[in-house]
Amino acid sequence: MSMWGKVIGSVAGFAVGGPLGALLGAAAGHALDRSRAQQRPNPGAASIETRQTAFTIAVIVLSAKMAKADGTVTRDEINTFKTIFNIPSEEMPNVGRLFDEARQDAEGFEPYAAQMGEMFTHNPAVLESLLSGLFEIALADGVVQSSEMQFLEKVAQEFRLERATFERIKAVHMEEDKETPYQILGVSRNASDKDVKSAYRTLIRENHPDKLIAQGMPQDFIDLATEKMARINGAYEKIERERALS
């Protein structure tokens, strides 16, 4: 099932409940409220459906506020959002209403990003994929403004991603003609063979599509993870040839 099928009720939740109301309240499902009431310390205790719904709302709101970060939401940014997250035409009215509400200003995104950081703290591949999508929206008009980069950096902080992870994702999107396979793996060129292999295995383990499937993530993001796996494997193959790794 596409993640957009759970958006309908969330639009009203956003309008009356504010950012956290949409993310954690009625639209996100009472299951998360129930888990909090029972004082479960692990955000992963929320049901798969709750996680998918909360994730979907966060995708829309963060994308809208990313588009607004430089002060103007362009048609290119909107089209990029639609393309990256594969929104079905029948869901556009619901998604569009929430997107339009969220893009009124670039403020108030932190609770959404922070909640994603909590919910997917043990699955950083989901957070990295979402951050990659936001980079694509920022690049939709051909240049990333300083305000947009600040937004992306703050989102990464709220996601609790390491700075090195942010720089790796930035390198993939911002320096395509300069990027090296080492940047994609998040290691320096003078890293030892052991460290290169370790970084590669960690990325493969964290980003494997099967892990996202087990987490109940929608097909849209599983497809993105598959593309990312191909990039990671390609980078490692280049280093293997360069270093004659065995």
Protein backbone atom coordinates (compact mmCIF):
# COMPACT_ATOMS: atom_id res chain seq x y z
CA MET A 1 0.00 0.00 0.00
CA SER A 2 1.22 3.50 -0.78
CA MET A 3 1.86 5.64 2.27
CA TRP A 4 -0.57 8.26 0.92
CA GLY A 5 -3.63 6.18 1.66
CA LYS A 6 -3.54 7.25 5.31
CA VAL A 7 -3.44 10.99 4.73
CA ILE A 8 -7.15 11.79 4.57
CA GLY A 9 -7.83 12.16 8.29
CA SER A 10 -4.55 13.90 8.98
CA VAL A 11 -5.54 17.08 7.15
CA ALA A 12 -8.15 17.96 9.74
CA GLY A 13 -5.75 17.00 12.51
CA PHE A 14 -3.21 19.49 11.25
CA ALA A 15 -5.73 22.31 10.98
CA VAL A 16 -7.09 22.02 14.51
CA GLY A 17 -4.23 20.53 16.44
CA GLY A 18 -1.18 22.32 15.15
CA PRO A 19 2.01 20.54 14.12
CA LEU A 20 2.23 18.09 17.00
CA GLY A 21 -1.50 17.51 16.89
CA ALA A 22 -1.22 16.31 13.31
CA LEU A 23 1.81 14.19 13.93
CA LEU A 24 0.79 12.61 17.20
CA GLY A 25 -2.95 13.10 17.46
CA ALA A 26 -6.01 11.73 15.73
CA ALA A 27 -4.53 11.28 12.26
CA ALA A 28 -1.43 9.55 13.51
CA GLY A 29 -3.71 7.14 15.32
CA HIS A 30 -4.66 6.63 18.91
CA ALA A 31 -2.19 3.75 19.06
CA LEU A 32 0.69 6.14 19.62
CA ASP A 33 -1.28 8.03 22.26
CA ARG A 34 -2.02 4.72 23.92
CA SER A 35 1.62 3.73 23.87
CA ARG A 36 2.55 7.00 25.56
CA ALA A 37 -0.20 6.57 28.15
CA GLN A 38 1.26 3.18 29.00
CA GLN A 39 4.66 4.89 29.36
CA ARG A 40 6.43 2.76 26.84
CA PRO A 41 9.91 4.28 26.53
CA ASN A 42 10.61 2.82 23.11
CA PRO A 43 9.12 4.86 20.22
CA GLY A 44 9.32 1.70 18.13
CA ALA A 45 6.47 0.28 20.21
CA ALA A 46 4.02 2.24 18.10
CA SER A 47 2.15 0.15 15.56
CA ILE A 48 3.34 -0.09 11.99
CA GLU A 49 0.25 1.79 10.84
CA THR A 50 0.92 4.58 13.32
CA ARG A 51 4.53 4.85 12.20
CA GLN A 52 3.51 4.97 8.56
CA THR A 53 0.90 7.64 9.20
CA ALA A 54 3.22 9.80 11.28
CA PHE A 55 5.94 9.36 8.70
CA THR A 56 3.62 10.37 5.88
CA ILE A 57 2.55 13.55 7.64
CA ALA A 58 6.17 14.43 8.39
CA VAL A 59 7.13 13.92 4.75
CA ILE A 60 4.47 16.38 3.60
CA VAL A 61 5.15 19.02 6.24
CA LEU A 62 8.94 18.89 6.04
CA SER A 63 8.82 18.99 2.24
CA ALA A 64 6.50 22.00 2.26
CA LYS A 65 8.62 23.88 4.76
CA MET A 66 11.78 22.95 2.86
CA ALA A 67 10.25 24.52 -0.24
CA LYS A 68 9.45 27.66 1.76
CA ALA A 69 12.86 27.92 3.41
CA ASP A 70 14.16 30.45 0.87
CA GLY A 71 10.96 32.48 1.08
CA THR A 72 9.29 31.33 -2.14
CA VAL A 73 7.69 28.02 -3.08
CA THR A 74 8.26 27.40 -6.79
CA ARG A 75 6.40 25.12 -9.18
CA ASP A 76 9.65 23.18 -9.71
CA GLU A 77 9.84 22.44 -5.99
CA ILE A 78 6.24 21.27 -5.89
CA ASN A 79 6.73 19.05 -8.93
CA THR A 80 9.91 17.60 -7.42
CA PHE A 81 8.03 16.78 -4.23
CA LYS A 82 5.32 15.01 -6.24
CA THR A 83 7.86 13.05 -8.25
CA ILE A 84 10.19 12.00 -5.44
CA PHE A 85 7.44 10.75 -3.18
CA ASN A 86 5.30 9.30 -5.96
CA ILE A 87 1.98 10.82 -4.92
CA PRO A 88 -1.01 9.17 -6.65
CA SER A 89 -3.34 11.58 -8.41
CA GLU A 90 -6.34 10.53 -6.34
CA GLU A 91 -4.55 11.58 -3.14
CA MET A 92 -3.38 14.97 -4.41
CA PRO A 93 -6.34 16.96 -2.97
CA ASN A 94 -5.66 15.62 0.53
CA VAL A 95 -1.90 15.89 0.29
CA GLY A 96 -2.20 19.31 -1.32
CA ARG A 97 -4.30 20.77 1.49
CA LEU A 98 -1.79 19.74 4.12
CA PHE A 99 1.12 20.87 1.94
CA ASP A 100 -0.49 24.28 1.37
CA GLU A 101 -1.15 24.74 5.08
CA ALA A 102 2.40 23.78 6.01
CA ARG A 103 4.08 25.97 3.38
CA GLN A 104 2.65 29.21 4.79
CA ASP A 105 6.00 29.67 6.50
CA ALA A 106 9.20 27.73 7.10
CA GLU A 107 8.84 27.77 10.87
CA GLY A 108 7.65 25.01 13.15
CA PHE A 109 9.29 22.07 11.41
CA GLU A 110 11.40 21.00 14.37
CA PRO A 111 8.71 18.93 16.18
CA TYR A 112 8.15 16.86 13.05
CA ALA A 113 11.85 16.28 12.48
CA ALA A 114 12.42 15.51 16.15
CA GLN A 115 9.57 13.00 16.22
CA MET A 116 10.99 11.25 13.17
CA GLY A 117 14.36 11.12 14.93
CA GLU A 118 12.70 9.41 17.88
CA MET A 119 10.60 6.97 15.89
CA PHE A 120 13.39 5.85 13.58
CA THR A 121 16.38 6.15 15.88
CA HIS A 122 17.16 2.47 15.22
CA ASN A 123 16.58 2.75 11.48
CA PRO A 124 18.63 5.72 10.27
CA ALA A 125 18.24 4.64 6.64
CA VAL A 126 14.66 5.98 6.73
CA LEU A 127 15.88 9.34 8.02
CA GLU A 128 18.67 9.49 5.46
CA SER A 129 16.24 8.77 2.64
CA LEU A 130 13.91 11.52 3.83
CA LEU A 131 16.80 13.98 4.12
CA SER A 132 17.88 13.04 0.59
CA GLY A 133 14.39 13.86 -0.64
CA LEU A 134 14.57 17.26 1.02
CA PHE A 135 17.91 17.90 -0.70
CA GLU A 136 16.26 17.18 -4.04
CA ILE A 137 13.52 19.72 -3.30
CA ALA A 138 16.11 22.31 -2.32
CA LEU A 139 17.93 21.70 -5.61
CA ALA A 140 14.76 21.86 -7.72
CA ASP A 141 15.39 25.46 -8.78
CA GLY A 142 19.06 24.80 -9.53
CA VAL A 143 20.71 26.30 -6.46
CA VAL A 144 20.62 25.74 -2.71
CA GLN A 145 20.33 29.03 -0.85
CA SER A 146 22.04 29.52 2.52
CA SER A 147 18.65 29.53 4.27
CA GLU A 148 17.84 26.18 2.65
CA MET A 149 21.15 24.68 3.73
CA GLN A 150 20.53 25.88 7.28
CA PHE A 151 17.12 24.19 7.15
CA LEU A 152 18.66 20.92 5.98
CA GLU A 153 21.34 21.05 8.66
CA LYS A 154 18.75 21.68 11.36
CA VAL A 155 16.59 18.80 10.13
CA ALA A 156 19.63 16.50 10.26
CA GLN A 157 20.30 17.62 13.83
CA GLU A 158 16.69 16.94 14.84
CA PHE A 159 16.97 13.54 13.14
CA ARG A 160 20.01 12.93 15.36
CA LEU A 161 22.16 12.10 12.36
CA GLU A 162 25.89 12.46 12.78
CA ARG A 163 27.59 15.37 11.04
CA ALA A 164 29.58 12.95 8.91
CA THR A 165 26.33 11.41 7.70
CA PHE A 166 24.98 14.81 6.74
CA GLU A 167 28.16 15.64 4.86
CA ARG A 168 27.98 12.33 3.02
CA ILE A 169 24.40 12.98 1.89
CA LYS A 170 25.31 16.55 0.98
CA ALA A 171 28.23 15.33 -1.13
CA VAL A 172 25.98 12.96 -3.05
CA HIS A 173 23.54 15.73 -3.96
CA MET A 174 25.66 18.86 -4.11
CA GLU A 175 28.95 17.74 -5.61
CA GLU A 176 27.98 15.08 -8.09
CA ASP A 177 30.81 15.80 -10.48
CA LYS A 178 33.30 16.01 -7.61
CA GLU A 179 32.02 13.29 -5.33
CA THR A 180 34.18 10.28 -4.73
CA PRO A 181 33.22 6.77 -3.73
CA TYR A 182 34.82 7.55 -0.39
CA GLN A 183 32.33 10.36 0.23
CA ILE A 184 29.45 8.05 -0.58
CA LEU A 185 30.72 5.55 2.00
CA GLY A 186 31.41 8.34 4.48
CA VAL A 187 35.14 7.65 4.91
CA SER A 188 38.28 9.58 4.06
CA ARG A 189 40.47 8.60 1.13
CA ASN A 190 43.29 7.62 3.51
CA ALA A 191 41.04 5.33 5.57
CA SER A 192 42.39 1.83 6.09
CA ASP A 193 41.04 -1.09 4.08
CA LYS A 194 39.49 -2.38 7.29
CA ASP A 195 37.64 0.90 7.90
CA VAL A 196 36.42 1.05 4.30
CA LYS A 197 35.03 -2.47 4.53
CA SER A 198 33.43 -1.73 7.88
CA ALA A 199 31.75 1.44 6.58
CA TYR A 200 30.46 -0.42 3.55
CA ARG A 201 29.01 -3.28 5.59
CA THR A 202 27.33 -0.86 8.00
CA LEU A 203 25.70 1.08 5.17
CA ILE A 204 24.50 -2.11 3.49
CA ARG A 205 23.06 -3.39 6.75
CA GLU A 206 21.29 -0.11 7.55
CA ASN A 207 19.99 0.59 4.06
CA HIS A 208 18.94 -2.85 2.89
CA PRO A 209 15.37 -2.69 1.54
CA ASP A 210 14.44 -5.83 3.48
CA LYS A 211 14.99 -3.92 6.71
CA LEU A 212 12.60 -1.20 5.61
CA ILE A 213 10.04 -3.82 4.59
CA ALA A 214 10.30 -5.35 8.07
CA GLN A 215 9.72 -1.89 9.55
CA GLY A 216 6.51 -1.60 7.55
CA MET A 217 7.75 1.31 5.45
CA PRO A 218 5.80 2.11 2.28
CA GLN A 219 6.89 0.97 -1.15
CA ASP A 220 7.82 4.53 -2.12
CA PHE A 221 10.73 4.57 0.32
CA ILE A 222 11.71 0.98 -0.32
CA ASP A 223 12.26 2.01 -3.95
CA LEU A 224 14.46 4.90 -2.80
CA ALA A 225 16.43 2.54 -0.58
CA THR A 226 17.00 0.21 -3.53
CA GLU A 227 18.45 3.10 -5.54
CA LYS A 228 20.67 4.07 -2.62
CA MET A 229 21.93 0.51 -2.27
CA ALA A 230 22.98 0.56 -5.90
CA ARG A 231 24.95 3.77 -5.32
CA ILE A 232 26.65 2.32 -2.23
CA ASN A 233 27.56 -0.90 -4.03
CA GLY A 234 28.87 1.06 -7.00
CA ALA A 235 31.09 3.17 -4.75
CA TYR A 236 32.52 0.14 -3.02
CA GLU A 237 33.21 -1.60 -6.31
CA LYS A 238 35.24 1.40 -7.46
CA ILE A 239 37.29 1.32 -4.26
CA GLU A 240 37.73 -2.44 -4.60
CA ARG A 241 39.24 -1.99 -8.04
CA GLU A 242 41.36 0.95 -6.93
CA ARG A 243 42.79 -0.87 -3.90
CA ALA A 244 42.57 -4.43 -5.22
CA LEU A 245 40.59 -5.40 -2.15
CA SER A 246 39.80 -9.04 -1.62
